[in-house]
Amino acid sequence: MKFEYRIPLVAILLIGTLFAKAQNPVDFELSSATDKSRFVLSEAKGKFVALHFLLKTECPYCLLHTHDYLSKAASLPNVIQVFIKPDTEEEIEEWAKGLPEEELAQFPIFRDPEAKLAAQFNIPDGYGFHNQFVHYPALILLGPDGKEVFRYIGKNNTDRYPFEKFKIKVQELSQ
C-alpha cells in the first residue's frame, strides 16, 4: 500500500517543479547600476546566461562570489555572467567599490528593483539578513534557447555555487 501513495506524491512534486520552471520570464531587461548598459535576455540567444541573484545590502560574501566568477569568466566564453542586486542604484554603486575597476568595466552589476525578477524565477524569499527579509542567494543558468537548465538556491549568505562546479555543469550541458 505504501508504494501506491508514493507514486502520486512523486507526480505532484514533478508537476510542481515543471510549473515553477514554466513561470520563468521568456524575456526581460535589466539596467546596470554601475554603467549605462542594459541586459536584454532576447539579445543573448545562442549563449548560456548565468543569472547571479545577490543579496540586498552590504554582503561581503556577494563581493567574494562576484569577484571569483568575474576573475574566471574568460574560461567560459559561451556564458554571459549577469550579476543582479535588488538594492538602489546608489547602494549598488557603493557596494561595487569593493570590486576591481577592470572587472566592473567588463561586467556591470544590474538592478532588480524590489526583487521582481527574483520573484518571477521563484527564488524563495524570507531569508533574514541585516534586519531585512530578502530572497535567498541563487544561481539560475539559462540555456542558449533562454530556458532554465540549472538552478542553485543557497541556504544562507555564505552558500554559493562554486565556480569550479559551475564550469563542469556548463561543460556537461554543452555536450
Protein backbone atom coordinates (compact mmCIF):
# COMPACT_ATOMS: atom_id res chain seq x y z
CA MET A 1 0.00 0.00 0.00
CA LYS A 2 2.82 2.43 0.76
CA PHE A 3 4.05 2.24 -2.83
CA GLU A 4 0.66 3.41 -4.12
CA TYR A 5 0.93 6.64 -2.12
CA ARG A 6 4.46 7.40 -3.28
CA ILE A 7 3.58 7.49 -6.96
CA PRO A 8 1.01 10.32 -6.63
CA LEU A 9 3.39 12.25 -4.34
CA VAL A 10 6.22 11.95 -6.88
CA ALA A 11 3.85 13.04 -9.66
CA ILE A 12 2.74 16.07 -7.64
CA LEU A 13 6.35 17.07 -6.93
CA LEU A 14 7.30 16.66 -10.59
CA ILE A 15 4.34 18.73 -11.77
CA GLY A 16 5.17 21.39 -9.18
CA THR A 17 8.77 21.59 -10.41
CA LEU A 18 7.66 21.87 -14.02
CA PHE A 19 5.11 24.55 -13.10
CA ALA A 20 7.77 26.56 -11.21
CA LYS A 21 10.07 26.49 -14.22
CA ALA A 22 7.21 27.37 -16.54
CA GLN A 23 6.76 30.63 -14.62
CA ASN A 24 10.20 31.91 -15.61
CA PRO A 25 10.02 35.00 -17.81
CA VAL A 26 10.51 34.49 -21.54
CA ASP A 27 12.26 37.84 -21.90
CA PHE A 28 13.32 40.56 -19.52
CA GLU A 29 15.53 43.64 -19.37
CA LEU A 30 17.79 44.84 -16.57
CA SER A 31 19.51 48.21 -16.16
CA SER A 32 23.03 48.47 -14.82
CA ALA A 33 23.76 50.44 -11.68
CA THR A 34 27.47 50.65 -12.44
CA ASP A 35 27.38 51.93 -16.03
CA LYS A 36 24.84 52.83 -18.72
CA SER A 37 24.41 49.30 -20.11
CA ARG A 38 21.31 47.15 -20.21
CA PHE A 39 20.92 43.40 -20.34
CA VAL A 40 18.12 42.01 -22.51
CA LEU A 41 17.65 38.26 -22.44
CA SER A 42 16.36 38.02 -26.01
CA GLU A 43 19.64 39.58 -27.22
CA ALA A 44 21.64 36.78 -25.57
CA LYS A 45 20.16 33.94 -27.64
CA GLY A 46 22.71 31.32 -28.57
CA LYS A 47 24.71 31.63 -25.34
CA PHE A 48 24.26 30.38 -21.81
CA VAL A 49 23.23 33.10 -19.36
CA ALA A 50 24.17 32.78 -15.69
CA LEU A 51 21.91 34.89 -13.51
CA HIS A 52 23.54 35.52 -10.14
CA PHE A 53 20.93 36.79 -7.69
CA LEU A 54 22.88 38.51 -4.94
CA LEU A 55 21.63 39.59 -1.54
CA LYS A 56 20.40 43.05 -0.70
CA THR A 57 22.61 45.31 1.41
CA GLU A 58 26.27 45.00 2.28
CA CYS A 59 27.12 41.35 1.79
CA PRO A 60 30.85 40.56 1.81
CA TYR A 61 30.13 37.05 0.52
CA CYS A 62 28.38 38.56 -2.50
CA LEU A 63 31.58 40.51 -3.24
CA LEU A 64 33.75 37.41 -2.90
CA HIS A 65 31.39 35.34 -5.05
CA THR A 66 31.15 38.04 -7.73
CA HIS A 67 34.90 38.61 -7.85
CA ASP A 68 35.57 34.85 -8.06
CA TYR A 69 33.22 34.41 -11.03
CA LEU A 70 34.38 37.57 -12.79
CA SER A 71 38.05 36.69 -12.47
CA LYS A 72 37.39 33.28 -14.06
CA ALA A 73 34.68 34.24 -16.56
CA ALA A 74 37.05 34.22 -19.54
CA SER A 75 37.39 30.43 -19.17
CA LEU A 76 33.70 30.15 -20.16
CA PRO A 77 33.33 32.39 -23.23
CA ASN A 78 29.96 30.83 -24.12
CA VAL A 79 28.43 32.05 -20.83
CA ILE A 80 27.20 35.58 -20.14
CA GLN A 81 27.56 36.32 -16.43
CA VAL A 82 24.80 38.61 -15.12
CA PHE A 83 25.09 39.83 -11.52
CA ILE A 84 21.87 41.17 -10.02
CA LYS A 85 21.17 43.04 -6.79
CA PRO A 86 17.80 44.31 -5.54
CA ASP A 87 19.31 47.46 -4.00
CA THR A 88 19.01 51.05 -5.14
CA GLU A 89 21.43 52.31 -7.76
CA GLU A 90 23.34 54.26 -5.10
CA GLU A 91 23.61 51.24 -2.79
CA ILE A 92 24.91 49.06 -5.62
CA GLU A 93 27.44 51.71 -6.68
CA GLU A 94 28.75 51.88 -3.12
CA TRP A 95 28.86 48.07 -2.77
CA ALA A 96 30.59 47.68 -6.16
CA LYS A 97 33.53 49.81 -4.98
CA GLY A 98 34.75 46.54 -3.44
CA LEU A 99 35.30 45.06 -6.92
CA PRO A 100 38.28 45.81 -9.18
CA GLU A 101 37.50 48.55 -11.72
CA GLU A 102 38.63 46.40 -14.67
CA GLU A 103 36.09 43.71 -13.72
CA LEU A 104 33.28 46.23 -13.34
CA ALA A 105 34.14 47.74 -16.72
CA GLN A 106 33.65 44.34 -18.32
CA PHE A 107 30.81 43.05 -16.11
CA PRO A 108 28.34 45.64 -14.82
CA ILE A 109 26.12 44.99 -11.82
CA PHE A 110 22.42 45.05 -12.69
CA ARG A 111 19.43 46.16 -10.65
CA ASP A 112 16.37 44.09 -9.84
CA PRO A 113 14.13 46.71 -8.20
CA GLU A 114 12.09 45.19 -5.38
CA ALA A 115 13.43 41.75 -6.43
CA LYS A 116 10.69 41.39 -9.04
CA LEU A 117 12.83 39.24 -11.35
CA ALA A 118 13.87 37.03 -8.43
CA ALA A 119 10.18 36.50 -7.68
CA GLN A 120 9.44 35.68 -11.33
CA PHE A 121 12.12 32.98 -11.15
CA ASN A 122 10.52 31.63 -7.98
CA ILE A 123 13.55 32.24 -5.81
CA PRO A 124 12.33 31.83 -2.24
CA ASP A 125 12.29 34.90 -0.05
CA GLY A 126 12.05 35.30 3.69
CA TYR A 127 15.75 34.97 4.45
CA GLY A 128 16.64 37.32 7.32
CA PHE A 129 19.79 39.33 6.61
CA HIS A 130 20.83 42.69 8.12
CA ASN A 131 17.39 43.19 9.69
CA GLN A 132 15.63 42.69 6.34
CA PHE A 133 13.85 39.80 4.69
CA VAL A 134 15.37 39.10 1.28
CA HIS A 135 15.41 36.42 -1.41
CA TYR A 136 17.96 33.68 -0.91
CA PRO A 137 21.14 33.90 -2.99
CA ALA A 138 20.69 31.98 -6.22
CA LEU A 139 22.29 31.00 -9.50
CA ILE A 140 19.94 30.35 -12.42
CA LEU A 141 21.52 29.10 -15.65
CA LEU A 142 19.58 29.66 -18.84
CA GLY A 143 20.43 27.63 -21.92
CA PRO A 144 21.16 29.06 -25.38
CA ASP A 145 17.40 28.97 -26.06
CA GLY A 146 16.69 31.14 -22.99
CA LYS A 147 15.12 28.32 -20.97
CA GLU A 148 16.26 27.38 -17.49
CA VAL A 149 18.61 24.39 -17.47
CA PHE A 150 20.01 24.57 -13.92
CA ARG A 151 19.36 26.30 -10.63
CA TYR A 152 21.11 26.50 -7.28
CA ILE A 153 19.44 28.19 -4.32
CA GLY A 154 21.72 28.95 -1.39
CA LYS A 155 20.57 28.27 2.14
CA ASN A 156 22.28 31.38 3.58
CA ASN A 157 24.57 34.26 2.58
CA THR A 158 27.69 32.04 2.52
CA ASP A 159 26.12 29.21 0.50
CA ARG A 160 27.08 29.84 -3.13
CA TYR A 161 27.67 27.52 -6.08
CA PRO A 162 31.46 27.30 -6.60
CA PHE A 163 32.80 28.37 -9.99
CA GLU A 164 34.64 25.07 -10.46
CA LYS A 165 31.38 23.10 -10.17
CA PHE A 166 29.64 25.65 -12.37
CA LYS A 167 32.25 25.20 -15.10
CA ILE A 168 31.75 21.42 -15.02
CA LYS A 169 27.97 21.87 -15.17
CA VAL A 170 28.23 24.16 -18.24
CA GLN A 171 30.56 21.68 -19.95
CA GLU A 172 28.09 18.83 -19.27
CA LEU A 173 25.19 20.87 -20.64
CA SER A 174 27.18 21.90 -23.71
CA GLN A 175 27.59 18.33 -24.93
